[in-house]
PDB file of N, CA and C in Angstrom:
ATOM      1  N   MET A   1      98.212  91.846 118.935  1.00  0.00           N
ATOM      2  CA  MET A   1      99.421  92.412 118.405  1.00  0.00           C
ATOM      3  C   MET A   1     100.491  91.323 118.399  1.00  0.00           C
ATOM      4  N   THR A   2     101.221  91.234 117.326  1.00  0.00           N
ATOM      5  CA  THR A   2     102.307  90.269 117.205  1.00  0.00           C
ATOM      6  C   THR A   2     103.631  91.011 117.191  1.00  0.00           C
ATOM      7  N   VAL A   3     104.574  90.524 117.962  1.00  0.00           N
ATOM      8  CA  VAL A   3     105.914  91.105 118.005  1.00  0.00           C
ATOM      9  C   VAL A   3     106.882  90.072 117.465  1.00  0.00           C
ATOM     10  N   GLU A   4     107.722  90.496 116.529  1.00  0.00           N
ATOM     11  CA  GLU A   4     108.690  89.585 115.928  1.00  0.00           C
ATOM     12  C   GLU A   4     110.082  90.183 116.040  1.00  0.00           C
ATOM     13  N   ILE A   5     111.013  89.403 116.542  1.00  0.00           N
ATOM     14  CA  ILE A   5     112.413  89.822 116.611  1.00  0.00           C
ATOM     15  C   ILE A   5     113.113  89.174 115.431  1.00  0.00           C
ATOM     16  N   THR A   6     113.705  89.997 114.573  1.00  0.00           N
ATOM     17  CA  THR A   6     114.265  89.478 113.329  1.00  0.00           C
ATOM     18  C   THR A   6     115.767  89.241 113.387  1.00  0.00           C
ATOM     19  N   LYS A   7     116.432  89.770 114.387  1.00  0.00           N
ATOM     20  CA  LYS A   7     117.882  89.586 114.527  1.00  0.00           C
ATOM     21  C   LYS A   7     118.181  88.912 115.858  1.00  0.00           C
ATOM     22  N   GLU A   8     119.382  88.392 115.978  1.00  0.00           N
ATOM     23  CA  GLU A   8     119.798  87.723 117.213  1.00  0.00           C
ATOM     24  C   GLU A   8     119.940  88.734 118.349  1.00  0.00           C
ATOM     25  N   THR A   9     119.532  88.326 119.535  1.00  0.00           N
ATOM     26  CA  THR A   9     119.723  89.162 120.717  1.00  0.00           C
ATOM     27  C   THR A   9     120.748  88.502 121.636  1.00  0.00           C
ATOM     28  N   VAL A  10     121.271  89.314 122.547  1.00  0.00           N
ATOM     29  CA  VAL A  10     122.207  88.837 123.558  1.00  0.00           C
ATOM     30  C   VAL A  10     121.499  88.964 124.900  1.00  0.00           C
ATOM     31  N   ALA A  11     121.541  87.917 125.714  1.00  0.00           N
ATOM     32  CA  ALA A  11     120.853  87.934 127.007  1.00  0.00           C
ATOM     33  C   ALA A  11     121.856  88.069 128.144  1.00  0.00           C
ATOM     34  N   TYR A  12     121.423  88.742 129.211  1.00  0.00           N
ATOM     35  CA  TYR A  12     122.233  88.800 130.421  1.00  0.00           C
ATOM     36  C   TYR A  12     121.319  88.744 131.634  1.00  0.00           C
ATOM     37  N   ARG A  13     121.874  88.315 132.759  1.00  0.00           N
ATOM     38  CA  ARG A  13     121.147  88.250 134.028  1.00  0.00           C
ATOM     39  C   ARG A  13     121.928  89.046 135.059  1.00  0.00           C
ATOM     40  N   TRP A  14     121.205  89.633 135.995  1.00  0.00           N
ATOM     41  CA  TRP A  14     121.867  90.297 137.116  1.00  0.00           C
ATOM     42  C   TRP A  14     120.977  90.164 138.335  1.00  0.00           C
ATOM     43  N   GLY A  15     121.455  90.615 139.471  1.00  0.00           N
ATOM     44  CA  GLY A  15     120.667  90.519 140.700  1.00  0.00           C
ATOM     45  C   GLY A  15     120.438  89.073 141.086  1.00  0.00           C
ATOM     46  N   ASP A  16     119.178  88.716 141.270  1.00  0.00           N
ATOM     47  CA  ASP A  16     118.852  87.350 141.700  1.00  0.00           C
ATOM     48  C   ASP A  16     118.841  86.350 140.547  1.00  0.00           C
ATOM     49  N   GLY A  17     119.085  86.800 139.328  1.00  0.00           N
ATOM     50  CA  GLY A  17     119.208  85.900 138.185  1.00  0.00           C
ATOM     51  C   GLY A  17     117.915  85.289 137.699  1.00  0.00           C
ATOM     52  N   CYS A  18     116.779  85.902 138.023  1.00  0.00           N
ATOM     53  CA  CYS A  18     115.479  85.333 137.640  1.00  0.00           C
ATOM     54  C   CYS A  18     114.933  85.890 136.334  1.00  0.00           C
ATOM     55  N   ILE A  19     115.597  86.905 135.763  1.00  0.00           N
ATOM     56  CA  ILE A  19     115.113  87.510 134.522  1.00  0.00           C
ATOM     57  C   ILE A  19     116.260  87.576 133.519  1.00  0.00           C
ATOM     58  N   ASP A  20     115.989  87.169 132.276  1.00  0.00           N
ATOM     59  CA  ASP A  20     116.943  87.295 131.174  1.00  0.00           C
ATOM     60  C   ASP A  20     116.597  88.559 130.392  1.00  0.00           C
ATOM     61  N   PHE A  21     117.480  89.547 130.438  1.00  0.00           N
ATOM     62  CA  PHE A  21     117.309  90.784 129.681  1.00  0.00           C
ATOM     63  C   PHE A  21     117.977  90.590 128.323  1.00  0.00           C
ATOM     64  N   HIS A  22     117.239  90.859 127.250  1.00  0.00           N
ATOM     65  CA  HIS A  22     117.762  90.689 125.897  1.00  0.00           C
ATOM     66  C   HIS A  22     118.004  92.057 125.273  1.00  0.00           C
ATOM     67  N   HIS A  23     119.146  92.191 124.599  1.00  0.00           N
ATOM     68  CA  HIS A  23     119.429  93.435 123.893  1.00  0.00           C
ATOM     69  C   HIS A  23     119.983  93.127 122.505  1.00  0.00           C
ATOM     70  N   CYS A  24     119.885  94.122 121.641  1.00  0.00           N
ATOM     71  CA  CYS A  24     120.363  94.001 120.266  1.00  0.00           C
ATOM     72  C   CYS A  24     121.885  93.846 120.276  1.00  0.00           C
ATOM     73  N   ALA A  25     122.386  92.868 119.535  1.00  0.00           N
ATOM     74  CA  ALA A  25     123.827  92.630 119.472  1.00  0.00           C
ATOM     75  C   ALA A  25     124.557  93.730 118.707  1.00  0.00           C
ATOM     76  N   VAL A  26     123.828  94.538 117.915  1.00  0.00           N
ATOM     77  CA  VAL A  26     124.449  95.594 117.119  1.00  0.00           C
ATOM     78  C   VAL A  26     124.445  96.929 117.864  1.00  0.00           C
ATOM     79  N   CYS A  27     123.256  97.390 118.299  1.00  0.00           N
ATOM     80  CA  CYS A  27     123.151  98.730 118.890  1.00  0.00           C
ATOM     81  C   CYS A  27     123.104  98.727 120.413  1.00  0.00           C
ATOM     82  N   GLY A  28     122.824  97.589 121.038  1.00  0.00           N
ATOM     83  CA  GLY A  28     122.801  97.495 122.492  1.00  0.00           C
ATOM     84  C   GLY A  28     121.484  97.853 123.148  1.00  0.00           C
ATOM     85  N   CYS A  29     120.460  98.244 122.376  1.00  0.00           N
ATOM     86  CA  CYS A  29     119.160  98.602 122.962  1.00  0.00           C
ATOM     87  C   CYS A  29     118.471  97.362 123.528  1.00  0.00           C
ATOM     88  N   VAL A  30     117.904  97.495 124.727  1.00  0.00           N
ATOM     89  CA  VAL A  30     117.156  96.394 125.328  1.00  0.00           C
ATOM     90  C   VAL A  30     115.872  96.198 124.531  1.00  0.00           C
ATOM     91  N   THR A  31     115.630  94.975 124.087  1.00  0.00           N
ATOM     92  CA  THR A  31     114.435  94.680 123.300  1.00  0.00           C
ATOM     93  C   THR A  31     113.316  94.104 124.154  1.00  0.00           C
ATOM     94  N   HIS A  32     113.682  93.246 125.122  1.00  0.00           N
ATOM     95  CA  HIS A  32     112.665  92.598 125.945  1.00  0.00           C
ATOM     96  C   HIS A  32     113.332  91.866 127.097  1.00  0.00           C
ATOM     97  N   TYR A  33     112.502  91.389 128.016  1.00  0.00           N
ATOM     98  CA  TYR A  33     113.015  90.449 129.008  1.00  0.00           C
ATOM     99  C   TYR A  33     112.030  89.320 129.200  1.00  0.00           C
ATOM    100  N   GLU A  34     112.556  88.208 129.670  1.00  0.00           N
ATOM    101  CA  GLU A  34     111.757  87.009 129.932  1.00  0.00           C
ATOM    102  C   GLU A  34     112.225  86.390 131.238  1.00  0.00           C
ATOM    103  N   SER A  35     111.335  85.681 131.896  1.00  0.00           N
ATOM    104  CA  SER A  35     111.712  84.959 133.104  1.00  0.00           C
ATOM    105  C   SER A  35     112.768  83.914 132.766  1.00  0.00           C
ATOM    106  N   ALA A  36     113.744  83.779 133.640  1.00  0.00           N
ATOM    107  CA  ALA A  36     114.764  82.746 133.485  1.00  0.00           C
ATOM    108  C   ALA A  36     114.191  81.401 133.923  1.00  0.00           C
ATOM    109  N   ASP A  37     114.893  80.358 133.604  1.00  0.00           N
ATOM    110  CA  ASP A  37     114.448  79.006 133.958  1.00  0.00           C
ATOM    111  C   ASP A  37     114.272  78.815 135.458  1.00  0.00           C
ATOM    112  N   ASN A  38     115.046  79.550 136.262  1.00  0.00           N
ATOM    113  CA  ASN A  38     114.985  79.389 137.716  1.00  0.00           C
ATOM    114  C   ASN A  38     113.947  80.295 138.380  1.00  0.00           C
ATOM    115  N   SER A  39     113.151  80.991 137.599  1.00  0.00           N
ATOM    116  CA  SER A  39     112.152  81.910 138.146  1.00  0.00           C
ATOM    117  C   SER A  39     110.872  81.168 138.515  1.00  0.00           C
ATOM    118  N   SER A  40     110.296  81.560 139.644  1.00  0.00           N
ATOM    119  CA  SER A  40     109.025  80.954 140.057  1.00  0.00           C
ATOM    120  C   SER A  40     107.825  81.704 139.483  1.00  0.00           C
ATOM    121  N   THR A  41     108.062  82.897 138.923  1.00  0.00           N
ATOM    122  CA  THR A  41     106.989  83.720 138.372  1.00  0.00           C
ATOM    123  C   THR A  41     107.261  83.998 136.897  1.00  0.00           C
ATOM    124  N   PRO A  42     106.424  83.506 135.983  1.00  0.00           N
ATOM    125  CA  PRO A  42     106.652  83.785 134.563  1.00  0.00           C
ATOM    126  C   PRO A  42     106.360  85.250 134.232  1.00  0.00           C
ATOM    127  N   ARG A  43     107.325  85.909 133.588  1.00  0.00           N
ATOM    128  CA  ARG A  43     107.167  87.318 133.199  1.00  0.00           C
ATOM    129  C   ARG A  43     107.766  87.519 131.814  1.00  0.00           C
ATOM    130  N   THR A  44     107.160  88.423 131.075  1.00  0.00           N
ATOM    131  CA  THR A  44     107.701  88.868 129.798  1.00  0.00           C
ATOM    132  C   THR A  44     107.402  90.348 129.666  1.00  0.00           C
ATOM    133  N   ALA A  45     108.352  91.110 129.168  1.00  0.00           N
ATOM    134  CA  ALA A  45     108.141  92.537 128.908  1.00  0.00           C
ATOM    135  C   ALA A  45     108.808  92.879 127.584  1.00  0.00           C
ATOM    136  N   ILE A  46     108.225  93.824 126.880  1.00  0.00           N
ATOM    137  CA  ILE A  46     108.737  94.242 125.579  1.00  0.00           C
ATOM    138  C   ILE A  46     108.987  95.739 125.620  1.00  0.00           C
ATOM    139  N   ASN A  47     110.123  96.180 125.092  1.00  0.00           N
ATOM    140  CA  ASN A  47     110.456  97.599 125.025  1.00  0.00           C
ATOM    141  C   ASN A  47     109.757  98.207 123.806  1.00  0.00           C
ATOM    142  N   PHE A  48     108.568  98.730 124.011  1.00  0.00           N
ATOM    143  CA  PHE A  48     107.801  99.290 122.898  1.00  0.00           C
ATOM    144  C   PHE A  48     108.263 100.684 122.502  1.00  0.00           C
ATOM    145  N   ARG A  49     109.238 101.235 123.190  1.00  0.00           N
ATOM    146  CA  ARG A  49     109.802 102.515 122.750  1.00  0.00           C
ATOM    147  C   ARG A  49     110.473 102.358 121.388  1.00  0.00           C
ATOM    148  N   MET A  50     110.786 101.134 121.031  1.00  0.00           N
ATOM    149  CA  MET A  50     111.440 100.870 119.752  1.00  0.00           C
ATOM    150  C   MET A  50     110.440 100.534 118.648  1.00  0.00           C
ATOM    151  N   ALA A  51     109.149 100.540 118.943  1.00  0.00           N
ATOM    152  CA  ALA A  51     108.123 100.150 117.973  1.00  0.00           C
ATOM    153  C   ALA A  51     107.422 101.372 117.383  1.00  0.00           C
ATOM    154  N   ASP A  52     106.938 101.220 116.180  1.00  0.00           N
ATOM    155  CA  ASP A  52     106.169 102.274 115.512  1.00  0.00           C
ATOM    156  C   ASP A  52     104.684 101.938 115.560  1.00  0.00           C
ATOM    157  N   GLY A  53     103.846 102.946 115.411  1.00  0.00           N
ATOM    158  CA  GLY A  53     102.421 102.734 115.225  1.00  0.00           C
ATOM    159  C   GLY A  53     101.647 102.275 116.438  1.00  0.00           C
ATOM    160  N   LEU A  54     101.955 102.781 117.608  1.00  0.00           N
ATOM    161  CA  LEU A  54     101.263 102.339 118.818  1.00  0.00           C
ATOM    162  C   LEU A  54     100.192 103.310 119.299  1.00  0.00           C
ATOM    163  N   LYS A  55      99.912 104.365 118.568  1.00  0.00           N
ATOM    164  CA  LYS A  55      98.954 105.371 119.029  1.00  0.00           C
ATOM    165  C   LYS A  55      97.574 104.802 119.291  1.00  0.00           C
ATOM    166  N   SER A  56      97.188 103.761 118.586  1.00  0.00           N
ATOM    167  CA  SER A  56      95.853 103.193 118.775  1.00  0.00           C
ATOM    168  C   SER A  56      95.831 102.110 119.853  1.00  0.00           C
ATOM    169  N   SER A  57      96.966 101.822 120.454  1.00  0.00           N
ATOM    170  CA  SER A  57      97.039 100.777 121.481  1.00  0.00           C
ATOM    171  C   SER A  57      96.873 101.364 122.873  1.00  0.00           C
ATOM    172  N   GLU A  58      96.256 100.588 123.757  1.00  0.00           N
ATOM    173  CA  GLU A  58      96.125 100.993 125.149  1.00  0.00           C
ATOM    174  C   GLU A  58      97.481 100.820 125.837  1.00  0.00           C
ATOM    175  N   VAL A  59      97.864 101.812 126.637  1.00  0.00           N
ATOM    176  CA  VAL A  59      99.128 101.758 127.358  1.00  0.00           C
ATOM    177  C   VAL A  59      98.842 101.523 128.830  1.00  0.00           C
ATOM    178  N   LYS A  60      99.492 100.509 129.406  1.00  0.00           N
ATOM    179  CA  LYS A  60      99.412 100.255 130.843  1.00  0.00           C
ATOM    180  C   LYS A  60     100.796 100.508 131.422  1.00  0.00           C
ATOM    181  N   TYR A  61     100.847 101.269 132.503  1.00  0.00           N
ATOM    182  CA  TYR A  61     102.111 101.606 133.139  1.00  0.00           C
ATOM    183  C   TYR A  61     102.379 100.624 134.270  1.00  0.00           C
ATOM    184  N   PHE A  62     103.558 100.030 134.252  1.00  0.00           N
ATOM    185  CA  PHE A  62     103.906  98.993 135.218  1.00  0.00           C
ATOM    186  C   PHE A  62     105.124  99.431 136.015  1.00  0.00           C
ATOM    187  N   ASP A  63     105.029  99.364 137.323  1.00  0.00           N
ATOM    188  CA  ASP A  63     106.134  99.715 138.208  1.00  0.00           C
ATOM    189  C   ASP A  63     106.971  98.469 138.468  1.00  0.00           C
ATOM    190  N   GLY A  64     107.994  98.283 137.657  1.00  0.00           N
ATOM    191  CA  GLY A  64     108.873  97.134 137.816  1.00  0.00           C
ATOM    192  C   GLY A  64     110.023  97.385 138.766  1.00  0.00           C
ATOM    193  N   ALA A  65     110.102  98.595 139.328  1.00  0.00           N
ATOM    194  CA  ALA A  65     111.194  98.924 140.245  1.00  0.00           C
ATOM    195  C   ALA A  65     110.838  98.677 141.699  1.00  0.00           C
ATOM    196  N   GLU A  66     109.573  98.946 142.066  1.00  0.00           N
ATOM    197  CA  GLU A  66     109.227  98.845 143.482  1.00  0.00           C
ATOM    198  C   GLU A  66     108.028  97.939 143.751  1.00  0.00           C
ATOM    199  N   SER A  67     106.856  98.315 143.258  1.00  0.00           N
ATOM    200  CA  SER A  67     105.626  97.631 143.677  1.00  0.00           C
ATOM    201  C   SER A  67     105.264  96.415 142.828  1.00  0.00           C
ATOM    202  N   TRP A  68     105.778  96.310 141.625  1.00  0.00           N
ATOM    203  CA  TRP A  68     105.399  95.280 140.666  1.00  0.00           C
ATOM    204  C   TRP A  68     103.887  95.293 140.424  1.00  0.00           C
ATOM    205  N   CYS A  69     103.325  96.506 140.386  1.00  0.00           N
ATOM    206  CA  CYS A  69     101.891  96.695 140.139  1.00  0.00           C
ATOM    207  C   CYS A  69     101.710  97.654 138.975  1.00  0.00           C
ATOM    208  N   PHE A  70     100.535  97.599 138.351  1.00  0.00           N
ATOM    209  CA  PHE A  70     100.191  98.566 137.330  1.00  0.00           C
ATOM    210  C   PHE A  70      99.797  99.874 137.997  1.00  0.00           C
ATOM    211  N   LEU A  71     100.127 101.000 137.350  1.00  0.00           N
ATOM    212  CA  LEU A  71      99.881 102.325 137.896  1.00  0.00           C
ATOM    213  C   LEU A  71      98.813 103.047 137.092  1.00  0.00           C
ATOM    214  N   ASP A  72      98.086 103.936 137.763  1.00  0.00           N
ATOM    215  CA  ASP A  72      97.215 104.865 137.054  1.00  0.00           C
ATOM    216  C   ASP A  72      98.100 105.886 136.361  1.00  0.00           C
ATOM    217  N   GLU A  73      97.619 106.463 135.275  1.00  0.00           N
ATOM    218  CA  GLU A  73      98.424 107.440 134.541  1.00  0.00           C
ATOM    219  C   GLU A  73      98.829 108.610 135.431  1.00  0.00           C
ATOM    220  N   SER A  74      97.989 108.982 136.401  1.00  0.00           N
ATOM    221  CA  SER A  74      98.303 110.095 137.302  1.00  0.00           C
ATOM    222  C   SER A  74      99.496 109.790 138.210  1.00  0.00           C
ATOM    223  N   GLU A  75      99.822 108.510 138.389  1.00  0.00           N
ATOM    224  CA  GLU A  75     100.939 108.110 139.246  1.00  0.00           C
ATOM    225  C   GLU A  75     102.267 108.022 138.494  1.00  0.00           C
ATOM    226  N   VAL A  76     102.227 108.184 137.176  1.00  0.00           N
ATOM    227  CA  VAL A  76     103.414 108.012 136.355  1.00  0.00           C
ATOM    228  C   VAL A  76     104.186 109.316 136.302  1.00  0.00           C
ATOM    229  N   ARG A  77     105.480 109.222 136.587  1.00  0.00           N
ATOM    230  CA  ARG A  77     106.344 110.399 136.532  1.00  0.00           C
ATOM    231  C   ARG A  77     106.619 110.735 135.072  1.00  0.00           C
ATOM    232  N   LYS A  78     106.351 111.956 134.691  1.00  0.00           N
ATOM    233  CA  LYS A  78     106.584 112.400 133.313  1.00  0.00           C
ATOM    234  C   LYS A  78     108.012 112.918 133.198  1.00  0.00           C
ATOM    235  N   VAL A  79     108.715 112.454 132.182  1.00  0.00           N
ATOM    236  CA  VAL A  79     110.091 112.909 131.974  1.00  0.00           C
ATOM    237  C   VAL A  79     110.206 113.673 130.689  1.00  0.00           C
TER     238      VAL A  79
END
């Protein structure tokens, strides 16, 4: 799968400053994040809630708040 960002994003850092969160300069929606230059662990995440046509893709649930591990679907809180 290829992801292409066609407009400029605005990046911000918070907390320990190891992740650059990018959001749309027009609507403010978070598009993705990437590890900052000072990070010892390379990470990238994409906000696929903004993408179409993902029904045929496998979804992996990642706990980025506490464990930094992938979760089984049974462990995911449904909202």
